[in-house]
Protein backbone atom coordinates (compact mmCIF):
# COMPACT_ATOMS: atom_id res chain seq x y z
CA MET A 1 6.26 0.94 11.58
CA LYS A 2 3.20 -0.42 9.80
CA ARG A 3 0.98 1.11 12.46
CA PHE A 4 2.71 4.47 11.95
CA LEU A 5 2.26 4.30 8.17
CA LYS A 6 -1.40 3.34 8.58
CA SER A 7 -1.95 6.32 10.93
CA LEU A 8 -0.17 8.63 8.51
CA LEU A 9 -2.28 7.42 5.60
CA LEU A 10 -5.49 7.78 7.59
CA GLY A 11 -4.51 11.30 8.62
CA SER A 12 -3.83 12.23 5.01
CA VAL A 13 -7.22 10.91 3.92
CA LEU A 14 -8.99 12.86 6.65
CA LEU A 15 -7.12 16.02 5.67
CA LEU A 16 -8.19 15.61 2.06
CA MET A 17 -11.78 15.16 3.20
CA VAL A 18 -11.86 18.56 4.93
CA LEU A 19 -9.96 20.48 2.25
CA PRO A 20 -11.89 21.79 -0.79
CA VAL A 21 -11.16 19.83 -3.95
CA PHE A 22 -10.37 22.07 -6.92
CA ALA A 23 -10.18 21.11 -10.56
CA LYS A 24 -6.60 21.46 -11.80
CA GLY A 25 -5.93 25.01 -12.98
CA GLU A 26 -9.53 26.13 -12.45
CA ARG A 27 -9.01 29.49 -10.76
CA ILE A 28 -11.55 32.33 -10.70
CA ALA A 29 -10.42 35.81 -9.64
CA PHE A 30 -12.32 38.58 -7.90
CA VAL A 31 -10.82 42.08 -7.74
CA PHE A 32 -12.51 44.50 -5.33
CA LYS A 33 -12.03 48.29 -5.18
CA SER A 34 -9.74 48.48 -2.15
CA THR A 35 -8.72 46.72 1.05
CA GLY A 36 -10.21 47.38 4.47
CA ASN A 37 -13.77 47.75 3.21
CA PRO A 38 -16.23 45.61 5.26
CA TYR A 39 -18.70 45.52 2.37
CA GLY A 40 -16.01 44.21 0.05
CA GLU A 41 -14.90 41.64 2.61
CA LYS A 42 -18.45 40.26 2.80
CA MET A 43 -18.61 40.11 -1.00
CA MET A 44 -15.34 38.19 -1.06
CA ASP A 45 -16.70 35.72 1.49
CA GLY A 46 -19.72 35.02 -0.70
CA PHE A 47 -17.61 34.78 -3.86
CA LYS A 48 -15.18 32.32 -2.28
CA THR A 49 -18.00 30.12 -0.97
CA SER A 50 -19.68 30.12 -4.36
CA CYS A 51 -16.54 29.16 -6.28
CA GLU A 52 -15.60 26.39 -3.87
CA GLU A 53 -19.11 24.92 -4.04
CA GLN A 54 -18.48 24.46 -7.74
CA GLY A 55 -14.99 23.02 -7.38
CA TYR A 56 -13.13 26.16 -8.39
CA GLU A 57 -10.41 28.02 -6.53
CA ALA A 58 -11.16 31.67 -5.72
CA ILE A 59 -8.34 34.22 -5.96
CA LEU A 60 -9.34 37.33 -3.98
CA ARG A 61 -7.45 40.55 -4.65
CA ALA A 62 -7.83 44.24 -3.79
CA PRO A 63 -5.42 47.20 -3.92
CA GLU A 64 -4.63 49.33 -0.90
CA GLN A 65 -5.93 52.48 -2.62
CA PRO A 66 -9.19 52.72 -4.62
CA THR A 67 -7.63 53.68 -7.95
CA ALA A 68 -7.89 52.30 -11.45
CA GLU A 69 -4.10 52.20 -11.77
CA SER A 70 -3.73 49.86 -8.82
CA GLN A 71 -6.45 47.56 -10.18
CA ILE A 72 -4.74 47.48 -13.58
CA GLN A 73 -1.56 46.14 -11.96
CA ILE A 74 -3.53 43.35 -10.28
CA ILE A 75 -5.35 42.44 -13.49
CA GLU A 76 -2.03 42.26 -15.38
CA GLN A 77 -0.81 39.77 -12.77
CA LEU A 78 -3.98 37.70 -13.11
CA ILE A 79 -3.59 37.58 -16.89
CA THR A 80 -0.08 36.21 -16.40
CA GLN A 81 -1.47 33.62 -13.97
CA LYS A 82 -3.96 32.53 -16.66
CA VAL A 83 -7.04 32.57 -14.45
CA LYS A 84 -10.28 31.38 -16.05
CA THR A 85 -12.41 34.43 -15.19
CA ILE A 86 -11.80 37.90 -13.77
CA CYS A 87 -14.69 39.48 -11.87
CA ILE A 88 -14.07 43.17 -11.22
CA SER A 89 -15.66 45.76 -8.92
CA ALA A 90 -14.25 48.75 -10.74
CA ASN A 91 -12.73 52.01 -9.55
CA ASP A 92 -13.25 53.54 -13.00
CA ALA A 93 -15.68 52.66 -15.78
CA ASP A 94 -13.37 53.37 -18.72
CA ALA A 95 -9.76 53.31 -17.50
CA LEU A 96 -9.78 49.52 -17.14
CA GLN A 97 -10.90 48.89 -20.73
CA PRO A 98 -7.43 48.26 -22.28
CA VAL A 99 -6.37 45.71 -19.68
CA LEU A 100 -9.75 43.95 -19.55
CA THR A 101 -9.88 43.81 -23.34
CA LYS A 102 -6.41 42.30 -23.25
CA ALA A 103 -7.65 39.67 -20.79
CA MET A 104 -10.58 38.73 -23.02
CA LYS A 105 -8.32 38.46 -26.06
CA ARG A 106 -6.23 35.98 -24.05
CA GLY A 107 -9.32 33.83 -23.53
CA ILE A 108 -10.10 34.99 -20.00
CA LYS A 109 -13.76 35.63 -19.29
CA VAL A 110 -14.55 39.02 -17.74
CA CYS A 111 -17.54 40.17 -15.74
CA ALA A 112 -18.18 43.11 -13.43
CA VAL A 113 -20.01 43.26 -10.12
CA ASP A 114 -21.16 46.05 -7.80
CA SER A 115 -19.28 48.86 -9.60
CA ASN A 116 -19.47 48.50 -13.36
CA VAL A 117 -17.08 48.92 -16.28
CA ASN A 118 -18.23 50.05 -19.71
CA ALA A 119 -20.00 47.55 -21.93
CA ALA A 120 -16.93 46.98 -24.12
CA SER A 121 -14.89 45.91 -21.11
CA ARG A 122 -17.06 43.04 -19.87
CA MET A 123 -19.24 40.15 -20.91
CA VAL A 124 -21.94 40.80 -18.29
CA PHE A 125 -22.52 42.90 -15.17
CA VAL A 126 -23.82 41.54 -11.85
CA ASN A 127 -25.95 44.42 -10.59
CA GLN A 128 -26.91 44.52 -6.92
CA ALA A 129 -30.26 46.18 -7.63
CA ASP A 130 -31.99 48.38 -10.16
CA SER A 131 -30.00 51.63 -10.26
CA GLU A 132 -33.03 53.80 -10.94
CA GLN A 133 -34.87 52.32 -7.99
CA ILE A 134 -31.91 52.93 -5.67
CA GLY A 135 -31.43 56.56 -6.69
CA ARG A 136 -35.11 57.48 -6.53
CA THR A 137 -35.62 55.62 -3.24
CA LEU A 138 -32.81 57.51 -1.52
CA ILE A 139 -34.21 60.90 -2.51
CA GLN A 140 -37.67 59.81 -1.38
CA ALA A 141 -36.16 58.81 1.96
CA ALA A 142 -34.54 62.23 2.36
CA TYR A 143 -37.88 63.88 1.52
CA ASP A 144 -39.56 61.78 4.19
CA MET A 145 -36.93 62.54 6.86
CA THR A 146 -36.84 66.29 6.20
CA GLY A 147 -40.58 66.69 5.88
CA GLY A 148 -40.00 67.78 2.29
CA SER A 149 -38.08 70.92 3.15
CA GLY A 150 -34.42 71.84 3.72
CA ASP A 151 -30.88 71.31 2.49
CA ILE A 152 -29.63 67.82 1.69
CA ALA A 153 -26.20 66.56 0.58
CA VAL A 154 -24.71 63.39 -0.84
CA LEU A 155 -21.57 61.77 0.55
CA SER A 156 -20.39 59.44 -2.21
CA ALA A 157 -17.37 57.15 -2.57
CA THR A 158 -14.96 58.09 -5.37
CA SER A 159 -15.90 60.47 -8.16
CA GLN A 160 -15.20 57.69 -10.71
CA ALA A 161 -17.26 54.94 -9.04
CA THR A 162 -19.75 53.91 -11.71
CA ASN A 163 -22.41 52.57 -9.37
CA GLN A 164 -22.30 55.68 -7.16
CA ASN A 165 -22.46 58.02 -10.14
CA LEU A 166 -25.37 56.19 -11.69
CA TRP A 167 -27.32 56.31 -8.43
CA ILE A 168 -26.57 60.03 -8.10
CA ASP A 169 -27.77 60.60 -11.67
CA TRP A 170 -31.08 58.97 -10.74
CA MET A 171 -31.28 61.07 -7.57
CA LYS A 172 -30.98 64.19 -9.72
CA LYS A 173 -33.60 62.89 -12.15
CA GLU A 174 -35.99 62.18 -9.28
CA LEU A 175 -35.58 65.77 -8.09
CA SER A 176 -35.94 67.34 -11.55
CA GLU A 177 -38.75 65.15 -12.84
CA ASN A 178 -40.81 65.83 -9.72
CA ALA A 179 -39.82 69.45 -9.24
CA SER A 180 -43.10 70.54 -7.71
CA LYS A 181 -42.92 67.85 -5.03
CA TYR A 182 -39.31 68.69 -4.18
CA ALA A 183 -39.60 72.47 -4.55
CA ASN A 184 -38.43 73.03 -0.98
CA LEU A 185 -35.74 70.35 -0.95
CA LYS A 186 -32.32 71.57 -2.08
CA LEU A 187 -29.37 69.35 -3.01
CA VAL A 188 -26.50 71.61 -1.93
CA LYS A 189 -23.44 69.44 -2.60
CA ILE A 190 -22.08 66.06 -3.65
CA ALA A 191 -18.99 65.25 -1.59
CA TYR A 192 -16.56 62.37 -2.10
CA GLY A 193 -15.07 60.36 0.76
CA ASP A 194 -13.29 57.92 -1.59
CA ASP A 195 -14.57 54.95 0.45
CA LEU A 196 -11.98 55.87 3.08
CA ARG A 197 -13.13 56.31 6.68
CA ASP A 198 -10.98 59.33 7.61
CA LYS A 199 -11.74 61.22 4.42
CA SER A 200 -15.45 60.46 4.74
CA VAL A 201 -15.34 61.85 8.29
CA SER A 202 -13.61 65.05 7.17
CA GLU A 203 -16.00 65.47 4.23
CA THR A 204 -18.97 65.11 6.57
CA GLU A 205 -17.51 67.70 8.93
CA GLY A 206 -17.01 69.98 5.94
CA LEU A 207 -20.64 69.61 4.90
CA LEU A 208 -21.85 70.48 8.38
CA ARG A 209 -19.61 73.58 8.51
CA SER A 210 -20.48 74.79 5.02
CA PHE A 211 -24.21 74.21 5.24
CA PRO A 212 -25.55 75.02 8.73
CA GLN A 213 -29.11 74.39 7.52
CA LEU A 214 -28.29 70.86 6.37
CA LYS A 215 -31.02 68.44 7.37
CA CYS A 216 -30.09 65.15 5.70
CA ILE A 217 -26.96 63.42 4.38
CA ILE A 218 -27.42 60.64 1.82
CA ALA A 219 -24.44 58.29 1.77
CA PRO A 220 -24.74 55.52 -0.87
CA SER A 221 -21.55 53.95 0.48
CA THR A 222 -21.20 51.64 3.48
CA VAL A 223 -18.01 53.42 4.54
CA GLY A 224 -19.55 56.84 4.02
CA ILE A 225 -22.80 56.23 5.89
CA ALA A 226 -20.98 54.83 8.94
CA ALA A 227 -18.61 57.81 8.98
CA ALA A 228 -21.40 60.35 8.55
CA ALA A 229 -23.48 58.77 11.31
CA LYS A 230 -20.56 58.90 13.73
CA VAL A 231 -19.87 62.58 13.03
CA VAL A 232 -23.52 63.55 13.45
CA ALA A 233 -23.75 61.62 16.73
CA ASP A 234 -20.44 62.97 18.08
CA LYS A 235 -21.51 66.55 17.36
CA GLY A 236 -24.83 66.09 19.17
CA LEU A 237 -26.90 66.63 16.03
CA ILE A 238 -29.22 63.65 16.42
CA GLY A 239 -32.70 64.78 15.40
CA LYS A 240 -31.31 67.85 13.61
CA VAL A 241 -29.39 66.12 10.81
CA ASP A 242 -30.53 62.71 9.60
CA VAL A 243 -28.34 60.21 7.81
CA THR A 244 -29.56 57.66 5.29
CA GLY A 245 -28.16 55.70 2.37
CA LEU A 246 -26.68 52.24 1.92
CA GLY A 247 -25.10 50.61 4.97
CA LEU A 248 -24.18 47.35 6.64
CA PRO A 249 -26.62 46.43 9.45
CA SER A 250 -23.74 45.31 11.69
CA GLU A 251 -22.09 48.72 11.41
CA MET A 252 -25.24 50.85 11.50
CA ALA A 253 -27.30 49.12 14.23
CA GLU A 254 -26.37 51.62 16.95
CA ALA A 255 -26.99 54.60 14.67
CA ILE A 256 -30.43 53.30 13.74
CA THR A 257 -31.32 52.49 17.36
CA LYS A 258 -30.26 55.97 18.50
CA GLY A 259 -32.12 57.69 15.69
CA VAL A 260 -29.07 59.08 13.87
CA CYS A 261 -30.22 57.09 10.85
CA PRO A 262 -34.02 56.62 10.89
CA TYR A 263 -33.65 53.97 8.20
CA MET A 264 -31.36 52.91 5.37
CA PHE A 265 -31.17 50.38 2.57
CA LEU A 266 -28.91 47.64 1.25
CA TRP A 267 -28.84 44.20 -0.25
CA ASN A 268 -26.87 41.27 1.11
CA PRO A 269 -23.22 41.71 -0.04
CA ILE A 270 -22.60 38.04 0.76
CA ASP A 271 -25.32 37.09 -1.74
CA GLU A 272 -23.94 39.61 -4.23
CA GLY A 273 -20.51 38.00 -4.11
CA TYR A 274 -22.08 34.53 -4.14
CA LEU A 275 -24.03 35.34 -7.31
CA ALA A 276 -20.92 36.84 -8.93
CA GLY A 277 -19.10 33.58 -8.24
CA TYR A 278 -21.76 31.56 -10.02
CA VAL A 279 -21.74 33.99 -12.95
CA SER A 280 -17.94 33.78 -13.17
CA VAL A 281 -17.96 29.98 -13.22
CA ALA A 282 -20.84 29.88 -15.72
CA LEU A 283 -18.82 32.12 -18.06
CA SER A 284 -15.78 29.91 -17.57
CA LYS A 285 -17.73 26.77 -18.43
CA GLY A 286 -19.53 28.38 -21.35
CA THR A 287 -22.91 27.79 -19.68
CA ILE A 288 -23.57 31.46 -20.43
CA THR A 289 -21.86 33.88 -22.80
CA GLY A 290 -23.32 37.04 -21.30
CA LYS A 291 -25.92 37.61 -23.99
CA ALA A 292 -29.46 38.66 -23.08
CA GLY A 293 -31.68 35.64 -22.53
CA ASP A 294 -28.96 33.36 -21.13
CA THR A 295 -30.17 31.44 -18.06
CA PHE A 296 -28.30 29.65 -15.30
CA ALA A 297 -28.70 28.28 -11.78
CA ALA A 298 -26.97 30.13 -8.94
CA GLY A 299 -26.93 27.60 -6.12
CA ARG A 300 -29.04 28.57 -3.10
CA LEU A 301 -30.15 31.81 -4.83
CA GLY A 302 -32.06 29.98 -7.54
CA ASN A 303 -32.31 30.67 -11.26
CA TYR A 304 -31.34 33.88 -13.07
CA THR A 305 -31.71 35.31 -16.56
CA VAL A 306 -29.32 37.73 -18.25
CA GLY A 307 -31.07 40.94 -19.29
CA LYS A 308 -30.20 44.09 -21.20
CA ALA A 309 -28.41 46.91 -19.38
CA ALA A 310 -28.90 50.64 -19.87
CA ASP A 311 -25.36 51.06 -21.26
CA GLY A 312 -25.98 48.71 -24.18
CA GLY A 313 -24.42 45.70 -22.50
CA THR A 314 -26.09 43.06 -20.36
CA GLU A 315 -26.65 42.58 -16.65
CA ILE A 316 -28.00 40.25 -14.00
CA LEU A 317 -30.01 41.77 -11.14
CA LEU A 318 -29.53 40.35 -7.65
CA GLY A 319 -32.83 41.78 -6.39
CA PRO A 320 -34.49 44.87 -4.86
CA PRO A 321 -32.89 46.87 -2.00
CA PHE A 322 -34.07 46.06 1.52
CA LYS A 323 -35.07 48.64 4.14
CA PHE A 324 -33.47 48.48 7.59
CA ASP A 325 -35.04 50.36 10.52
CA LYS A 326 -35.58 50.07 14.27
CA ALA A 327 -38.17 47.34 13.79
CA ASN A 328 -35.78 44.86 12.13
CA ILE A 329 -32.19 45.99 12.75
CA ASP A 330 -31.66 43.69 15.76
CA LYS A 331 -32.50 40.72 13.57
CA TRP A 332 -30.04 41.66 10.86
CA LYS A 333 -27.11 43.19 12.76
CA THR A 334 -25.64 39.77 13.53
CA VAL A 335 -26.03 38.50 9.95
CA TYR A 336 -23.77 40.94 8.08
């Protein structure tokens, strides 16, 4: 009997050693735009790792459909659960304001990541990269791929996605502010695939039918770029219609190797989620309040400073976008 009890006790100790130890009641929540999104899943992985490194429990939530209404229901539940911080990747910049304001009034810290909410709805925004740089870079890529001439289109996520809309605004500014350079490049349509594979496929097919002279599709969505690349390849249009945008190396390796997508851009969504986890915990602890000039350490990513955002709030920049092409895709396709 004593031997049994000793074995049981030893087993319990070993189990405790392998399980993460969380501070009592210290729960940090992350709400992504929708389920089934590989990009979001990678962000959640990074967020969870980050929180657990700091002794906090990560609650990961996402609705089935990418709507503000479904996110509001989740946030209401999290308020009831009295989480310490809510980190949101928003489906709408303004529709979430009442429920996020309610959360902050209850003492819950609120930050946004990836897809922003308005400045009144958050304490700080974790921005994956400079929005102007992303928008201008994608138009410059289309110019390069088309030789500076032809029809181009954008395949976005949802029409309310704040990050997508901001990037598209900068694409338009790049075209208008450098009109002489882009005189022969025509943006014919902005389509919305809602970050859903089937809809992104049908929207791509619609673009190809409606614009037979289309030469490049810019998809600033990991779901959209993968869908567009598949349609172009399946229709035998490699070399006639190029695809570029923001994509996961693991999903786009074949398209890049085959030449469907000469090159694309992204940042590491694992790092993005990881940084958001450190920001969420720092807000919870009071290490930062979200004001410009606040500094904090973000684990393996190093030190960060809160800066001013274009919308009057504040933000933290993860870093510049990275270019993926045939020369480096094999290295990165197994990473994320």
